[in-house]
C-alpha atoms as a PDB file:
ATOM      1  CA  MET A   1      -3.822 -26.942   8.672  1.00  0.00           C
ATOM      2  CA  ILE A   2      -2.253 -23.739   9.995  1.00  0.00           C
ATOM      3  CA  LYS A   3      -2.335 -20.913   7.474  1.00  0.00           C
ATOM      4  CA  ARG A   4       0.505 -18.433   6.977  1.00  0.00           C
ATOM      5  CA  THR A   5       0.309 -14.693   7.555  1.00  0.00           C
ATOM      6  CA  LEU A   6       2.442 -12.726   5.111  1.00  0.00           C
ATOM      7  CA  TYR A   7       3.441  -9.106   5.768  1.00  0.00           C
ATOM      8  CA  PHE A   8       4.987  -6.963   3.042  1.00  0.00           C
ATOM      9  CA  GLY A   9       6.361  -3.639   4.297  1.00  0.00           C
ATOM     10  CA  SER A  10       8.846  -2.873   1.532  1.00  0.00           C
ATOM     11  CA  PRO A  11       8.603  -2.611  -2.277  1.00  0.00           C
ATOM     12  CA  THR A  12       7.810  -6.057  -3.658  1.00  0.00           C
ATOM     13  CA  TYR A  13       6.643  -7.745  -6.854  1.00  0.00           C
ATOM     14  CA  LEU A  14       3.906 -10.352  -6.257  1.00  0.00           C
ATOM     15  CA  SER A  15       2.923 -12.606  -9.129  1.00  0.00           C
ATOM     16  CA  LEU A  16       1.602 -16.104  -9.792  1.00  0.00           C
ATOM     17  CA  LYS A  17       3.329 -19.136 -11.273  1.00  0.00           C
ATOM     18  CA  LYS A  18       2.081 -22.733 -11.172  1.00  0.00           C
ATOM     19  CA  GLU A  19      -0.544 -21.953  -8.490  1.00  0.00           C
ATOM     20  CA  GLN A  20       2.134 -20.445  -6.226  1.00  0.00           C
ATOM     21  CA  LEU A  21       2.765 -16.902  -5.055  1.00  0.00           C
ATOM     22  CA  VAL A  22       6.067 -15.596  -6.443  1.00  0.00           C
ATOM     23  CA  ILE A  23       7.811 -12.936  -4.343  1.00  0.00           C
ATOM     24  CA  GLN A  24      10.543 -10.770  -5.883  1.00  0.00           C
ATOM     25  CA  LEU A  25      12.316  -7.701  -4.508  1.00  0.00           C
ATOM     26  CA  PRO A  26      12.788  -4.888  -7.056  1.00  0.00           C
ATOM     27  CA  GLU A  27      16.159  -3.904  -5.543  1.00  0.00           C
ATOM     28  CA  VAL A  28      17.511  -7.335  -6.417  1.00  0.00           C
ATOM     29  CA  VAL A  29      15.831  -7.608  -9.825  1.00  0.00           C
ATOM     30  CA  LYS A  30      17.022  -4.186 -11.054  1.00  0.00           C
ATOM     31  CA  ASN A  31      20.565  -4.395  -9.651  1.00  0.00           C
ATOM     32  CA  ASP A  32      22.901  -5.149 -12.569  1.00  0.00           C
ATOM     33  CA  SER A  33      25.954  -5.689 -10.372  1.00  0.00           C
ATOM     34  CA  LEU A  34      24.519  -8.842  -8.767  1.00  0.00           C
ATOM     35  CA  PRO A  35      25.166 -12.222 -10.419  1.00  0.00           C
ATOM     36  CA  ASP A  36      22.217 -14.017 -12.045  1.00  0.00           C
ATOM     37  CA  THR A  37      22.557 -16.953  -9.640  1.00  0.00           C
ATOM     38  CA  PHE A  38      21.990 -14.626  -6.684  1.00  0.00           C
ATOM     39  CA  LYS A  39      18.958 -13.083  -8.402  1.00  0.00           C
ATOM     40  CA  ALA A  40      17.473 -16.547  -8.996  1.00  0.00           C
ATOM     41  CA  GLU A  41      17.943 -17.491  -5.338  1.00  0.00           C
ATOM     42  CA  ALA A  42      16.262 -14.261  -4.191  1.00  0.00           C
ATOM     43  CA  VAL A  43      12.920 -15.314  -5.735  1.00  0.00           C
ATOM     44  CA  ARG A  44      10.634 -17.050  -3.211  1.00  0.00           C
ATOM     45  CA  THR A  45       7.508 -19.099  -3.897  1.00  0.00           C
ATOM     46  CA  ILE A  46       4.723 -20.014  -1.488  1.00  0.00           C
ATOM     47  CA  PRO A  47       1.744 -22.278  -2.289  1.00  0.00           C
ATOM     48  CA  ILE A  48      -1.476 -20.258  -2.397  1.00  0.00           C
ATOM     49  CA  GLU A  49      -3.367 -22.843  -0.328  1.00  0.00           C
ATOM     50  CA  ASP A  50      -0.948 -22.295   2.607  1.00  0.00           C
ATOM     51  CA  ILE A  51      -1.726 -18.561   2.893  1.00  0.00           C
ATOM     52  CA  GLY A  52      -4.372 -17.250   5.296  1.00  0.00           C
ATOM     53  CA  ILE A  53      -3.677 -13.504   5.508  1.00  0.00           C
ATOM     54  CA  VAL A  54      -1.690 -11.117   3.290  1.00  0.00           C
ATOM     55  CA  ILE A  55      -0.913  -7.632   4.619  1.00  0.00           C
ATOM     56  CA  LEU A  56       0.301  -5.048   2.095  1.00  0.00           C
ATOM     57  CA  ASP A  57       1.855  -2.075   3.904  1.00  0.00           C
ATOM     58  CA  ASN A  58       3.731  -0.144   1.213  1.00  0.00           C
ATOM     59  CA  LYS A  59       2.671   2.012  -1.728  1.00  0.00           C
ATOM     60  CA  GLN A  60       5.277   0.434  -4.022  1.00  0.00           C
ATOM     61  CA  ILE A  61       3.963  -3.128  -3.970  1.00  0.00           C
ATOM     62  CA  THR A  62       3.052  -4.515  -7.381  1.00  0.00           C
ATOM     63  CA  ILE A  63       0.471  -7.309  -7.284  1.00  0.00           C
ATOM     64  CA  THR A  64      -1.128  -8.968 -10.295  1.00  0.00           C
ATOM     65  CA  HIS A  65      -4.849  -9.455 -10.698  1.00  0.00           C
ATOM     66  CA  GLY A  66      -4.272 -13.215 -10.936  1.00  0.00           C
ATOM     67  CA  VAL A  67      -2.747 -13.246  -7.443  1.00  0.00           C
ATOM     68  CA  ILE A  68      -5.697 -11.359  -5.993  1.00  0.00           C
ATOM     69  CA  GLU A  69      -8.132 -13.731  -7.708  1.00  0.00           C
ATOM     70  CA  LYS A  70      -6.396 -16.884  -6.417  1.00  0.00           C
ATOM     71  CA  LEU A  71      -6.025 -15.522  -2.874  1.00  0.00           C
ATOM     72  CA  LEU A  72      -9.699 -14.628  -2.644  1.00  0.00           C
ATOM     73  CA  ALA A  73     -10.738 -17.965  -4.184  1.00  0.00           C
ATOM     74  CA  ASN A  74      -8.834 -19.718  -1.369  1.00  0.00           C
ATOM     75  CA  ASN A  75     -10.555 -17.623   1.351  1.00  0.00           C
ATOM     76  CA  CYS A  76      -7.450 -15.573   2.099  1.00  0.00           C
ATOM     77  CA  ALA A  77      -7.816 -12.152   3.762  1.00  0.00           C
ATOM     78  CA  LEU A  78      -6.105  -9.411   1.752  1.00  0.00           C
ATOM     79  CA  ILE A  79      -5.424  -6.293   3.835  1.00  0.00           C
ATOM     80  CA  THR A  80      -3.999  -3.082   2.399  1.00  0.00           C
ATOM     81  CA  CYS A  81      -2.627  -0.336   4.631  1.00  0.00           C
ATOM     82  CA  ASN A  82      -1.551   3.227   4.041  1.00  0.00           C
END
């Protein structure tokens, strides 16, 4: 199976839910003028087993310890820059 390479170059929230990586953008989450339906659609999930490489290239990325643990358990390369 081909593994995905994920690059994050802007502020992002990375968390875990039901064995999947949850990706949220803080600009969308904190913006009160956006409708809740738009905020719900802005959340993306990716199965952990489909990820091969994660590149974190921003100082404002928030990642939970659970995400790091699951990525490393699935032999995913986690690269931090800057």
